[in-house]
């Protein structure tokens, strides 16, 4: 009986491995003695919310891992010690059948990736050709900016703290009379213009050379919180409509982009979306099934997001003041562990319904266009019309006063 059980187990394991079409062998070195572990995640995922983050150990400065997947995805490898210090540069590659060699140099922004796969090489070709045009532009701008900042440092070096603060504040102010201030601001404008041109050049290159990197780049950029105001968004939407929507049929990145396109319409005056959430019993239901108020605040937050919790606590007095007049708050916490939500709710004293988005199960942050943020919020009326997007407490109270009375 044991032999039969072991045989079935062995067949299941072998079958599971064979079902994964792609094996990406990752190996490499790091010269940073503090790096003992690497995070391996699909690009765009948040380490703080994902239970399936892969830990790759580093032994004597070397690491190796076989990433097996049934779909080619865009991945990044991150030194954990640098991530925890808030300063890191990932190594990017695709999980295709290939060997990828990665070197993290002592200089933190120096990462070398050598891949044998087609998609990884297309990504590198794109970046290399664009950098060949724009690196010299940014280098020249940086030199000019550095020279102005050196002048500023020399001018304040003999000042006391109070004089230094006043001088620096005036230097960076909009109406500064400092002759170097206007030159510094001009350099910033030129840098912004160069960044814009570089991003447009990248979109055009990817449009002319369709590859999975192009689809992955659109997925990531359209999911950003600032996609509404990004001047390159219209170019990417055009490229997706005319080129990429016809490429890589069935790839899960298309569904992500679809959600992001829907999120772009989440602005004041438009209708809010409905989506799946988990109730207290863990069952999947529609968010709208919880609506009971005349004015409803959908608060997206996380226990690990300090600004989100501060924002939520500022809502408490408004909720207590207007709850009997029809104000409802529905909070959704983005967590890796359920207990983290319960601890935060108890500590902060949230008096409203709190739902849980565990490990991005329902992709709620993506659908709301805030996947790159800890939280966000939407104020809607009982017909689902968006009244405000993540308003401050003063603006929230103004709407409540106008709609529900004093």
Protein backbone atom coordinates (compact mmCIF):
# COMPACT_ATOMS: atom_id res chain seq x y z
CA UNK A 1 0.00 0.00 0.00
CA UNK A 2 2.87 2.34 0.85
CA UNK A 3 4.56 1.59 -2.51
CA UNK A 4 1.34 2.46 -4.37
CA UNK A 5 0.94 5.70 -2.39
CA UNK A 6 4.56 6.67 -3.02
CA UNK A 7 4.21 5.87 -6.72
CA UNK A 8 1.16 8.10 -7.03
CA UNK A 9 2.95 10.86 -5.12
CA UNK A 10 5.98 10.60 -7.39
CA UNK A 11 3.79 10.70 -10.51
CA UNK A 12 1.96 13.77 -9.15
CA UNK A 13 5.22 15.60 -8.46
CA UNK A 14 6.64 14.75 -11.90
CA UNK A 15 3.36 15.73 -13.55
CA UNK A 16 3.32 19.07 -11.73
CA UNK A 17 6.84 19.87 -12.91
CA UNK A 18 6.12 18.86 -16.50
CA UNK A 19 2.92 20.97 -16.48
CA UNK A 20 5.10 24.04 -15.95
CA UNK A 21 6.30 24.79 -19.45
CA UNK A 22 9.11 27.21 -18.63
CA UNK A 23 12.19 26.76 -16.47
CA UNK A 24 14.32 29.83 -15.98
CA UNK A 25 17.65 29.04 -14.35
CA UNK A 26 18.87 32.02 -12.33
CA UNK A 27 22.38 32.24 -10.99
CA UNK A 28 24.71 35.00 -10.01
CA UNK A 29 26.87 36.80 -7.49
CA UNK A 30 26.85 39.80 -5.22
CA UNK A 31 29.86 41.63 -3.86
CA UNK A 32 27.83 43.12 -0.99
CA UNK A 33 28.68 41.06 2.15
CA UNK A 34 25.44 42.25 3.79
CA UNK A 35 23.25 40.57 1.17
CA UNK A 36 22.23 37.18 2.56
CA UNK A 37 18.86 36.80 0.82
CA UNK A 38 17.06 37.90 -2.35
CA UNK A 39 13.36 38.41 -3.00
CA UNK A 40 12.07 36.97 -6.28
CA UNK A 41 8.70 38.42 -7.30
CA UNK A 42 6.71 39.11 -10.42
CA UNK A 43 7.29 42.74 -11.28
CA UNK A 44 4.54 44.96 -9.92
CA UNK A 45 3.79 42.71 -6.95
CA UNK A 46 4.13 44.22 -3.48
CA UNK A 47 6.35 42.25 -1.09
CA UNK A 48 4.22 43.48 1.83
CA UNK A 49 1.04 41.86 0.49
CA UNK A 50 2.21 38.71 -1.27
CA UNK A 51 2.38 35.35 0.50
CA UNK A 52 4.15 33.72 -2.46
CA UNK A 53 7.29 35.85 -2.48
CA UNK A 54 10.21 33.51 -3.22
CA UNK A 55 13.24 33.73 -0.97
CA UNK A 56 16.55 32.97 -2.69
CA UNK A 57 19.45 32.43 -0.26
CA UNK A 58 22.88 33.93 -0.88
CA UNK A 59 25.81 31.79 0.25
CA UNK A 60 29.35 33.20 0.11
CA UNK A 61 28.17 35.83 -2.33
CA UNK A 62 26.57 33.35 -4.76
CA UNK A 63 22.98 32.34 -5.49
CA UNK A 64 21.11 29.94 -7.76
CA UNK A 65 17.44 29.15 -8.34
CA UNK A 66 15.22 27.42 -10.92
CA UNK A 67 12.01 29.38 -11.51
CA UNK A 68 9.35 27.11 -13.04
CA UNK A 69 6.19 28.68 -14.50
CA UNK A 70 3.49 27.77 -17.01
CA UNK A 71 3.43 31.32 -18.41
CA UNK A 72 6.27 33.69 -19.25
CA UNK A 73 6.15 36.63 -16.85
CA UNK A 74 8.21 39.72 -16.04
CA UNK A 75 10.20 39.16 -12.83
CA UNK A 76 12.59 41.01 -10.59
CA UNK A 77 15.23 39.92 -8.10
CA UNK A 78 15.84 42.22 -5.13
CA UNK A 79 18.55 42.19 -2.41
CA UNK A 80 16.56 42.01 0.83
CA UNK A 81 18.95 44.16 2.89
CA UNK A 82 18.75 47.00 0.36
CA UNK A 83 14.96 46.66 0.10
CA UNK A 84 14.62 46.96 3.87
CA UNK A 85 16.79 50.09 3.81
CA UNK A 86 14.51 51.60 1.17
CA UNK A 87 17.16 51.83 -1.55
CA UNK A 88 17.56 49.15 -4.17
CA UNK A 89 17.75 48.46 -7.88
CA UNK A 90 16.19 45.16 -9.01
CA UNK A 91 17.47 42.81 -11.68
CA UNK A 92 14.77 42.36 -14.34
CA UNK A 93 14.21 39.35 -16.60
CA UNK A 94 11.50 37.11 -18.08
CA UNK A 95 10.66 33.63 -16.79
CA UNK A 96 11.25 31.96 -20.15
CA UNK A 97 13.30 28.86 -20.88
CA UNK A 98 16.71 30.36 -20.41
CA UNK A 99 19.76 30.80 -18.23
CA UNK A 100 20.02 34.27 -16.73
CA UNK A 101 23.19 35.39 -14.97
CA UNK A 102 22.91 38.34 -12.58
CA UNK A 103 25.65 40.37 -10.91
CA UNK A 104 24.93 42.79 -8.08
CA UNK A 105 28.02 44.98 -7.69
CA UNK A 106 29.08 46.73 -4.48
CA UNK A 107 27.89 49.98 -6.00
CA UNK A 108 24.20 49.71 -5.24
CA UNK A 109 22.90 50.97 -8.56
CA UNK A 110 25.11 48.64 -10.59
CA UNK A 111 23.25 45.51 -11.75
CA UNK A 112 24.26 43.38 -14.73
CA UNK A 113 21.79 40.89 -16.25
CA UNK A 114 22.81 38.49 -19.03
CA UNK A 115 19.97 36.36 -20.38
CA UNK A 116 19.77 33.89 -23.22
CA UNK A 117 15.98 34.11 -23.71
CA UNK A 118 14.35 36.05 -26.56
CA UNK A 119 12.07 38.19 -24.38
CA UNK A 120 14.83 39.12 -21.94
CA UNK A 121 17.13 40.05 -24.80
CA UNK A 122 14.41 42.19 -26.44
CA UNK A 123 14.00 44.08 -23.14
CA UNK A 124 17.74 44.64 -22.95
CA UNK A 125 17.95 45.72 -26.59
CA UNK A 126 15.18 48.26 -26.05
CA UNK A 127 16.82 49.73 -22.94
CA UNK A 128 20.28 49.76 -24.53
CA UNK A 129 19.16 51.61 -27.67
CA UNK A 130 17.15 54.17 -25.71
CA UNK A 131 19.93 54.69 -23.16
CA UNK A 132 22.45 55.19 -25.96
CA UNK A 133 20.48 58.26 -27.02
CA UNK A 134 19.50 59.72 -23.65
CA UNK A 135 22.25 58.86 -21.15
CA UNK A 136 24.47 61.67 -22.41
CA UNK A 137 21.53 64.10 -22.20
CA UNK A 138 20.90 63.29 -18.54
CA UNK A 139 24.60 63.29 -17.73
CA UNK A 140 24.94 66.84 -19.04
CA UNK A 141 21.84 67.99 -17.15
CA UNK A 142 23.06 66.35 -13.95
CA UNK A 143 26.42 68.11 -14.24
CA UNK A 144 24.71 71.49 -14.59
CA UNK A 145 22.40 70.75 -11.65
CA UNK A 146 25.32 69.57 -9.49
CA UNK A 147 27.27 72.75 -10.22
CA UNK A 148 24.34 74.90 -9.07
CA UNK A 149 23.86 72.77 -5.93
CA UNK A 150 27.60 73.15 -5.16
CA UNK A 151 27.22 76.91 -5.37
CA UNK A 152 24.27 76.70 -2.96
CA UNK A 153 26.32 74.59 -0.53
CA UNK A 154 29.22 77.04 -0.59
CA UNK A 155 26.90 79.97 0.07
CA UNK A 156 25.31 78.41 3.16
CA UNK A 157 28.35 76.67 4.68
CA UNK A 158 29.14 79.52 7.12
CA UNK A 159 25.52 80.23 8.09
CA UNK A 160 23.91 79.15 11.33
CA UNK A 161 20.97 76.70 11.24
CA UNK A 162 18.28 79.37 11.19
CA UNK A 163 19.94 81.37 8.41
CA UNK A 164 20.56 78.19 6.42
CA UNK A 165 16.91 77.11 6.63
CA UNK A 166 15.67 80.54 5.55
CA UNK A 167 18.15 80.71 2.67
CA UNK A 168 17.33 77.24 1.35
CA UNK A 169 13.58 77.87 1.70
CA UNK A 170 13.88 81.10 -0.32
CA UNK A 171 16.12 79.40 -2.91
CA UNK A 172 13.50 76.74 -3.69
CA UNK A 173 10.48 79.06 -3.43
CA UNK A 174 8.46 79.94 -6.51
CA UNK A 175 9.29 83.66 -6.32
CA UNK A 176 12.95 83.37 -5.36
CA UNK A 177 15.19 86.32 -6.23
CA UNK A 178 18.34 84.21 -6.11
CA UNK A 179 19.90 84.27 -9.61
CA UNK A 180 20.92 80.61 -9.32
CA UNK A 181 17.41 79.55 -8.33
CA UNK A 182 15.91 80.27 -11.74
CA UNK A 183 18.75 78.36 -13.43
CA UNK A 184 18.15 75.41 -11.11
CA UNK A 185 14.43 75.39 -11.88
CA UNK A 186 15.20 75.61 -15.59
CA UNK A 187 17.39 72.50 -15.25
CA UNK A 188 14.49 70.71 -13.56
CA UNK A 189 12.17 71.64 -16.42
CA UNK A 190 14.70 70.42 -18.97
CA UNK A 191 15.10 67.16 -17.04
CA UNK A 192 11.33 66.62 -16.95
CA UNK A 193 11.16 67.28 -20.68
CA UNK A 194 14.00 64.85 -21.33
CA UNK A 195 12.32 62.16 -19.21
CA UNK A 196 9.12 62.65 -21.17
CA UNK A 197 10.94 62.36 -24.51
CA UNK A 198 12.73 59.22 -23.30
CA UNK A 199 9.47 57.59 -22.22
CA UNK A 200 7.83 58.44 -25.55
CA UNK A 201 10.84 57.08 -27.42
CA UNK A 202 10.50 53.85 -25.44
CA UNK A 203 6.79 53.57 -26.29
CA UNK A 204 7.58 54.09 -29.99
CA UNK A 205 10.41 51.53 -29.93
CA UNK A 206 8.16 48.93 -28.31
CA UNK A 207 5.38 49.73 -30.77
CA UNK A 208 7.76 49.12 -33.66
CA UNK A 209 9.28 46.00 -32.03
CA UNK A 210 6.34 44.22 -30.34
CA UNK A 211 7.55 41.99 -27.52
CA UNK A 212 6.42 40.80 -24.10
CA UNK A 213 8.43 43.63 -22.49
CA UNK A 214 6.08 46.08 -24.22
CA UNK A 215 3.01 44.34 -22.81
CA UNK A 216 4.60 44.11 -19.34
CA UNK A 217 5.61 47.78 -19.39
CA UNK A 218 2.05 48.83 -20.26
CA UNK A 219 0.65 46.61 -17.52
CA UNK A 220 2.90 48.24 -14.93
CA UNK A 221 2.63 51.87 -16.03
CA UNK A 222 -1.15 51.86 -16.51
CA UNK A 223 -1.58 50.40 -13.02
CA UNK A 224 0.29 53.25 -11.36
CA UNK A 225 -1.68 55.67 -9.23
CA UNK A 226 -0.53 58.59 -11.37
CA UNK A 227 -1.52 57.03 -14.70
CA UNK A 228 -4.41 59.52 -14.99
CA UNK A 229 -2.02 62.48 -15.15
CA UNK A 230 0.95 60.83 -16.87
CA UNK A 231 1.35 62.62 -20.24
CA UNK A 232 2.62 59.39 -21.82
CA UNK A 233 -0.58 57.46 -21.01
CA UNK A 234 -2.41 58.47 -24.24
CA UNK A 235 0.54 57.18 -26.30
CA UNK A 236 0.51 53.86 -24.44
CA UNK A 237 -3.25 53.52 -24.82
CA UNK A 238 -2.90 54.06 -28.56
CA UNK A 239 -0.09 51.51 -28.78
CA UNK A 240 -2.11 48.96 -26.84
CA UNK A 241 -5.22 49.47 -28.97
CA UNK A 242 -3.41 49.35 -32.30
CA UNK A 243 -0.65 46.84 -31.59
CA UNK A 244 -0.56 44.97 -28.30
CA UNK A 245 -4.23 44.08 -27.94
CA UNK A 246 -3.63 41.70 -30.87
CA UNK A 247 -0.43 40.19 -29.42
CA UNK A 248 0.08 37.44 -26.83
CA UNK A 249 -3.55 36.34 -26.83
CA UNK A 250 -4.59 34.71 -23.58
CA UNK A 251 -1.70 36.13 -21.57
CA UNK A 252 -2.85 37.20 -18.06
CA UNK A 253 -1.31 40.66 -18.52
CA UNK A 254 -4.22 41.53 -20.83
CA UNK A 255 -6.67 41.06 -17.95
CA UNK A 256 -4.53 43.30 -15.74
CA UNK A 257 -4.48 46.00 -18.42
CA UNK A 258 -8.25 45.67 -18.82
CA UNK A 259 -8.67 46.36 -15.10
CA UNK A 260 -6.30 49.34 -15.29
CA UNK A 261 -8.17 50.82 -18.26
CA UNK A 262 -11.39 50.56 -16.27
CA UNK A 263 -9.70 52.24 -13.29
CA UNK A 264 -8.72 55.23 -15.45
CA UNK A 265 -12.42 56.12 -15.54
CA UNK A 266 -12.67 56.32 -11.74
CA UNK A 267 -12.92 60.08 -11.55
CA UNK A 268 -15.42 62.46 -9.97
CA UNK A 269 -18.76 62.35 -11.73
CA UNK A 270 -18.34 58.85 -13.16
CA UNK A 271 -19.85 55.66 -11.82
CA UNK A 272 -17.89 53.61 -9.32
CA UNK A 273 -17.19 49.96 -10.15
CA UNK A 274 -18.47 46.85 -8.41
CA UNK A 275 -16.14 43.96 -7.68
CA UNK A 276 -15.67 40.81 -5.62
CA UNK A 277 -14.76 41.02 -1.94
CA UNK A 278 -14.58 38.45 0.85
CA UNK A 279 -17.12 38.71 3.65
CA UNK A 280 -16.51 37.79 7.30
CA UNK A 281 -17.10 34.10 6.50
CA UNK A 282 -14.52 34.13 3.71
CA UNK A 283 -17.17 33.85 1.01
CA UNK A 284 -16.86 35.89 -2.18
CA UNK A 285 -19.63 38.48 -2.60
CA UNK A 286 -20.08 41.76 -4.45
CA UNK A 287 -19.00 44.94 -2.67
CA UNK A 288 -22.37 46.53 -3.50
CA UNK A 289 -24.11 43.92 -1.34
CA UNK A 290 -22.89 45.90 1.69
CA UNK A 291 -24.23 49.28 0.55
CA UNK A 292 -26.79 50.78 2.95
CA UNK A 293 -25.86 54.46 3.16
CA UNK A 294 -26.82 57.58 1.25
CA UNK A 295 -23.16 58.53 1.12
CA UNK A 296 -20.61 55.71 1.15
CA UNK A 297 -16.88 56.01 1.68
CA UNK A 298 -14.83 53.12 0.28
CA UNK A 299 -11.59 53.23 2.27
CA UNK A 300 -8.69 51.20 0.89
CA UNK A 301 -5.99 50.85 3.54
CA UNK A 302 -3.36 48.54 5.04
CA UNK A 303 -1.97 47.95 8.52
CA UNK A 304 1.53 48.70 7.21
CA UNK A 305 0.53 52.01 5.58
CA UNK A 306 0.99 54.84 8.10
CA UNK A 307 -0.65 57.59 5.96
CA UNK A 308 -3.63 55.29 5.29
CA UNK A 309 -4.22 54.74 8.99
CA UNK A 310 -3.82 58.44 9.77
CA UNK A 311 -6.37 59.23 7.06
CA UNK A 312 -8.77 56.60 8.42
CA UNK A 313 -8.51 57.87 11.99
CA UNK A 314 -9.42 61.36 10.77
CA UNK A 315 -12.62 59.84 9.36
CA UNK A 316 -13.79 58.51 12.75
CA UNK A 317 -15.28 61.78 14.15
CA UNK A 318 -17.02 62.43 10.82
CA UNK A 319 -18.44 58.93 10.82
CA UNK A 320 -19.76 59.33 14.38
CA UNK A 321 -21.27 62.69 13.49
CA UNK A 322 -23.01 61.63 10.27
CA UNK A 323 -23.61 57.87 10.55
CA UNK A 324 -27.21 58.34 11.71
CA UNK A 325 -27.87 60.65 8.76
CA UNK A 326 -26.81 58.11 6.15
CA UNK A 327 -23.00 58.14 6.08
CA UNK A 328 -21.46 54.68 5.68
CA UNK A 329 -17.80 53.66 5.63
CA UNK A 330 -16.67 50.36 4.16
CA UNK A 331 -12.98 49.68 4.70
CA UNK A 332 -10.92 47.08 2.83
CA UNK A 333 -7.51 46.13 4.20
CA UNK A 334 -4.74 44.88 1.92
CA UNK A 335 -2.84 42.36 3.99
CA UNK A 336 -0.54 39.36 3.90
CA UNK A 337 -1.92 38.05 7.20
CA UNK A 338 -5.46 38.47 8.52
CA UNK A 339 -4.27 39.05 12.08
CA UNK A 340 -2.48 42.24 11.00
CA UNK A 341 -5.80 43.81 10.04
CA UNK A 342 -7.48 42.83 13.30
CA UNK A 343 -4.62 44.26 15.38
CA UNK A 344 -4.72 47.57 13.51
CA UNK A 345 -8.53 47.83 13.75
CA UNK A 346 -8.38 47.23 17.50
CA UNK A 347 -5.55 49.70 18.04
CA UNK A 348 -7.03 52.50 15.89
CA UNK A 349 -10.64 51.87 16.92
CA UNK A 350 -12.32 51.83 13.52
CA UNK A 351 -16.08 51.61 14.17
CA UNK A 352 -17.13 50.59 10.67
CA UNK A 353 -17.21 47.44 8.55
CA UNK A 354 -13.70 46.19 7.71
CA UNK A 355 -13.26 43.68 4.89
CA UNK A 356 -10.06 41.84 4.02
CA UNK A 357 -8.14 41.63 0.73
CA UNK A 358 -5.68 38.84 1.48
CA UNK A 359 -2.62 38.53 -0.78
CA UNK A 360 -4.39 40.49 -3.53
CA UNK A 361 -6.84 37.62 -4.05
CA UNK A 362 -9.47 39.77 -5.79
CA UNK A 363 -7.04 42.29 -7.35
CA UNK A 364 -8.97 45.12 -5.67
CA UNK A 365 -6.08 47.60 -5.65
CA UNK A 366 -5.46 47.04 -9.36
CA UNK A 367 -9.15 47.50 -10.16
CA UNK A 368 -9.16 50.77 -8.23
CA UNK A 369 -6.05 52.09 -9.96
CA UNK A 370 -3.96 52.24 -6.78
CA UNK A 371 -1.88 49.07 -7.10
CA UNK A 372 1.33 51.01 -6.48
CA UNK A 373 -0.03 52.60 -3.29
CA UNK A 374 -0.80 51.43 0.21
CA UNK A 375 -4.30 52.80 -0.03
CA UNK A 376 -6.83 55.18 -1.52
CA UNK A 377 -10.49 55.96 -1.27
CA UNK A 378 -13.69 56.83 -3.12
CA UNK A 379 -16.69 58.74 -1.84
CA UNK A 380 -19.88 57.75 -3.69
CA UNK A 381 -23.59 58.41 -3.42
CA UNK A 382 -26.35 55.81 -3.22
CA UNK A 383 -26.49 55.61 -7.02
CA UNK A 384 -22.78 54.81 -7.27
CA UNK A 385 -21.66 58.18 -8.62
CA UNK A 386 -18.18 59.20 -7.49
CA UNK A 387 -18.34 62.38 -5.41
CA UNK A 388 -14.64 62.59 -4.55
CA UNK A 389 -11.42 60.60 -4.93
CA UNK A 390 -9.49 60.13 -1.67
CA UNK A 391 -10.60 63.48 -0.22
CA UNK A 392 -9.04 65.04 2.87
CA UNK A 393 -11.23 65.19 5.98
CA UNK A 394 -12.16 68.83 5.34
CA UNK A 395 -13.43 68.04 1.84
CA UNK A 396 -15.21 64.93 3.12
CA UNK A 397 -17.06 66.95 5.75
CA UNK A 398 -18.00 69.61 3.21
CA UNK A 399 -19.67 66.99 1.00
CA UNK A 400 -21.39 65.40 3.99
CA UNK A 401 -22.68 68.78 5.15
CA UNK A 402 -24.02 69.61 1.69
CA UNK A 403 -25.61 66.21 1.13
CA UNK A 404 -26.77 65.20 4.61
CA UNK A 405 -27.11 68.51 6.46
CA UNK A 406 -25.45 69.75 9.64
